[in-house]
Amino acid sequence: MSLWAANKITESAKEGQLYAFPRYTNRNTCNSNYASATLNKWIRSLGIDKTTHELRLTMRDRLRQANAPKSIQEDAVGGWGKEDIGDNYGFGYGLEQLKGWLDKVVLK
């Protein structure tokens, strides 16, 4: 589903567009609260009584159950802040590594 969404974003991007959701972010700022509120409103319109925050916590729980390291749970997938300067070195986890952990939490 994520690949499908990424392809749709790429297909509909305007020439020179750098960000998937330019309405919410640009080179200078990121309006994450506005984006989150918009997503929560959309989720409620579907009759789902959940929030984006609950989705994030559920993913962390699933990664924890799969014995994923905290760096996968919190940083690579969860998007929580970095804890020390060393967290910013290098390129981080590769897509294949991330896919391996995410495959472990897919509901079948």
C-alpha atoms as a PDB file:
ATOM      1  CA  MET A   1       0.000   0.000   0.000  1.00  0.00           C
ATOM      2  CA  SER A   2       2.870   2.357   0.777  1.00  0.00           C
ATOM      3  CA  LEU A   3       4.438   1.730  -2.628  1.00  0.00           C
ATOM      4  CA  TRP A   4       1.066   2.380  -4.288  1.00  0.00           C
ATOM      5  CA  ALA A   5       0.756   5.680  -2.381  1.00  0.00           C
ATOM      6  CA  ALA A   6       4.331   6.704  -3.219  1.00  0.00           C
ATOM      7  CA  ASN A   7       3.699   6.010  -6.908  1.00  0.00           C
ATOM      8  CA  LYS A   8       0.505   8.102  -6.829  1.00  0.00           C
ATOM      9  CA  ILE A   9       2.374  10.998  -5.214  1.00  0.00           C
ATOM     10  CA  THR A  10       5.151  10.757  -7.804  1.00  0.00           C
ATOM     11  CA  GLU A  11       2.667  10.589 -10.682  1.00  0.00           C
ATOM     12  CA  SER A  12       0.752  13.661  -9.510  1.00  0.00           C
ATOM     13  CA  ALA A  13       3.783  15.769  -8.515  1.00  0.00           C
ATOM     14  CA  LYS A  14       4.239  19.080 -10.270  1.00  0.00           C
ATOM     15  CA  GLU A  15       7.495  19.789 -12.081  1.00  0.00           C
ATOM     16  CA  GLY A  16      10.190  20.715  -9.565  1.00  0.00           C
ATOM     17  CA  GLN A  17       8.162  19.514  -6.558  1.00  0.00           C
ATOM     18  CA  LEU A  18      10.530  18.424  -3.786  1.00  0.00           C
ATOM     19  CA  TYR A  19       8.125  17.243  -1.095  1.00  0.00           C
ATOM     20  CA  ALA A  20       5.337  14.681  -1.173  1.00  0.00           C
ATOM     21  CA  PHE A  21       2.975  17.026   0.662  1.00  0.00           C
ATOM     22  CA  PRO A  22       4.009  20.609  -0.145  1.00  0.00           C
ATOM     23  CA  ARG A  23       0.843  21.903   1.515  1.00  0.00           C
ATOM     24  CA  TYR A  24       2.343  20.906   4.860  1.00  0.00           C
ATOM     25  CA  THR A  25       6.078  21.344   4.403  1.00  0.00           C
ATOM     26  CA  ASN A  26       8.742  23.247   2.520  1.00  0.00           C
ATOM     27  CA  ARG A  27      12.439  24.001   2.891  1.00  0.00           C
ATOM     28  CA  ASN A  28      11.821  26.270   5.867  1.00  0.00           C
ATOM     29  CA  THR A  29       9.022  24.766   7.904  1.00  0.00           C
ATOM     30  CA  CYS A  30       6.899  21.697   8.542  1.00  0.00           C
ATOM     31  CA  ASN A  31       3.293  22.146   9.679  1.00  0.00           C
ATOM     32  CA  SER A  32       3.019  18.677  11.210  1.00  0.00           C
ATOM     33  CA  ASN A  33       0.191  19.685  13.572  1.00  0.00           C
ATOM     34  CA  TYR A  34      -1.899  20.855  10.629  1.00  0.00           C
ATOM     35  CA  ALA A  35      -1.152  17.672   8.701  1.00  0.00           C
ATOM     36  CA  SER A  36      -2.029  15.527  11.718  1.00  0.00           C
ATOM     37  CA  ALA A  37      -5.302  17.391  12.290  1.00  0.00           C
ATOM     38  CA  THR A  38      -6.239  16.958   8.622  1.00  0.00           C
ATOM     39  CA  LEU A  39      -5.536  13.211   8.763  1.00  0.00           C
ATOM     40  CA  ASN A  40      -7.478  12.814  12.018  1.00  0.00           C
ATOM     41  CA  LYS A  41     -10.462  14.624  10.484  1.00  0.00           C
ATOM     42  CA  TRP A  42     -10.332  12.296   7.467  1.00  0.00           C
ATOM     43  CA  ILE A  43     -10.108   9.193   9.694  1.00  0.00           C
ATOM     44  CA  ARG A  44     -13.159  10.372  11.683  1.00  0.00           C
ATOM     45  CA  SER A  45     -15.054  10.967   8.415  1.00  0.00           C
ATOM     46  CA  LEU A  46     -14.644   7.236   7.740  1.00  0.00           C
ATOM     47  CA  GLY A  47     -16.382   6.452  11.021  1.00  0.00           C
ATOM     48  CA  ILE A  48     -13.164   5.311  12.695  1.00  0.00           C
ATOM     49  CA  ASP A  49     -12.777   6.459  16.286  1.00  0.00           C
ATOM     50  CA  LYS A  50      -8.947   6.458  16.280  1.00  0.00           C
ATOM     51  CA  THR A  51      -6.180   9.009  15.757  1.00  0.00           C
ATOM     52  CA  THR A  52      -2.875   9.100  13.909  1.00  0.00           C
ATOM     53  CA  HIS A  53      -1.153   9.032  17.306  1.00  0.00           C
ATOM     54  CA  GLU A  54      -2.832   5.703  18.071  1.00  0.00           C
ATOM     55  CA  LEU A  55      -1.603   4.317  14.740  1.00  0.00           C
ATOM     56  CA  ARG A  56       1.932   5.314  15.652  1.00  0.00           C
ATOM     57  CA  LEU A  57       1.706   3.681  19.084  1.00  0.00           C
ATOM     58  CA  THR A  58       0.187   0.529  17.617  1.00  0.00           C
ATOM     59  CA  MET A  59       3.075   0.249  15.168  1.00  0.00           C
ATOM     60  CA  ARG A  60       5.538   0.584  18.029  1.00  0.00           C
ATOM     61  CA  ASP A  61       3.728  -2.167  19.957  1.00  0.00           C
ATOM     62  CA  ARG A  62       3.844  -4.449  16.919  1.00  0.00           C
ATOM     63  CA  LEU A  63       7.549  -3.787  16.371  1.00  0.00           C
ATOM     64  CA  ARG A  64       8.198  -4.450  20.059  1.00  0.00           C
ATOM     65  CA  GLN A  65       6.363  -7.788  19.768  1.00  0.00           C
ATOM     66  CA  ALA A  66       8.565  -8.641  16.772  1.00  0.00           C
ATOM     67  CA  ASN A  67      11.657  -7.963  18.943  1.00  0.00           C
ATOM     68  CA  ALA A  68      12.761  -5.060  16.766  1.00  0.00           C
ATOM     69  CA  PRO A  69      15.551  -2.985  18.332  1.00  0.00           C
ATOM     70  CA  LYS A  70      14.542   0.342  19.852  1.00  0.00           C
ATOM     71  CA  SER A  71      16.360   2.210  17.093  1.00  0.00           C
ATOM     72  CA  ILE A  72      13.941   0.614  14.604  1.00  0.00           C
ATOM     73  CA  GLN A  73      10.880   1.157  16.826  1.00  0.00           C
ATOM     74  CA  GLU A  74      11.591   4.743  17.803  1.00  0.00           C
ATOM     75  CA  ASP A  75      13.743   6.341  15.135  1.00  0.00           C
ATOM     76  CA  ALA A  76      13.599   4.522  11.823  1.00  0.00           C
ATOM     77  CA  VAL A  77       9.864   3.753  11.838  1.00  0.00           C
ATOM     78  CA  GLY A  78       8.338   5.707  14.721  1.00  0.00           C
ATOM     79  CA  GLY A  79       9.948   9.038  13.998  1.00  0.00           C
ATOM     80  CA  TRP A  80      10.748   9.902  17.593  1.00  0.00           C
ATOM     81  CA  GLY A  81      13.623  12.316  18.207  1.00  0.00           C
ATOM     82  CA  LYS A  82      17.257  11.317  18.231  1.00  0.00           C
ATOM     83  CA  GLU A  83      18.853  10.789  21.640  1.00  0.00           C
ATOM     84  CA  ASP A  84      22.517  11.557  21.027  1.00  0.00           C
ATOM     85  CA  ILE A  85      24.850  12.982  18.410  1.00  0.00           C
ATOM     86  CA  GLY A  86      25.862   9.510  17.190  1.00  0.00           C
ATOM     87  CA  ASP A  87      22.293   8.878  16.030  1.00  0.00           C
ATOM     88  CA  ASN A  88      22.862  11.413  13.253  1.00  0.00           C
ATOM     89  CA  TYR A  89      25.933   9.712  11.757  1.00  0.00           C
ATOM     90  CA  GLY A  90      25.758   7.592   8.641  1.00  0.00           C
ATOM     91  CA  PHE A  91      22.778   6.763   6.469  1.00  0.00           C
ATOM     92  CA  GLY A  92      20.740   4.799   8.982  1.00  0.00           C
ATOM     93  CA  TYR A  93      18.919   1.600   8.126  1.00  0.00           C
ATOM     94  CA  GLY A  94      18.564   0.512   4.505  1.00  0.00           C
ATOM     95  CA  LEU A  95      15.205  -0.154   2.887  1.00  0.00           C
ATOM     96  CA  GLU A  96      15.717  -3.921   2.930  1.00  0.00           C
ATOM     97  CA  GLN A  97      16.407  -3.870   6.677  1.00  0.00           C
ATOM     98  CA  LEU A  98      13.325  -1.775   7.332  1.00  0.00           C
ATOM     99  CA  LYS A  99      11.213  -3.975   5.071  1.00  0.00           C
ATOM    100  CA  GLY A 100      12.352  -7.036   7.005  1.00  0.00           C
ATOM    101  CA  TRP A 101      11.065  -5.580  10.279  1.00  0.00           C
ATOM    102  CA  LEU A 102       7.849  -4.249   8.752  1.00  0.00           C
ATOM    103  CA  ASP A 103       7.150  -7.639   7.172  1.00  0.00           C
ATOM    104  CA  LYS A 104       7.164  -9.093  10.679  1.00  0.00           C
ATOM    105  CA  VAL A 105       4.301  -6.856  11.791  1.00  0.00           C
ATOM    106  CA  VAL A 106       2.001  -7.282   8.784  1.00  0.00           C
ATOM    107  CA  LEU A 107      -1.397  -8.689   9.720  1.00  0.00           C
ATOM    108  CA  LYS A 108      -2.195 -11.701   7.590  1.00  0.00           C
END
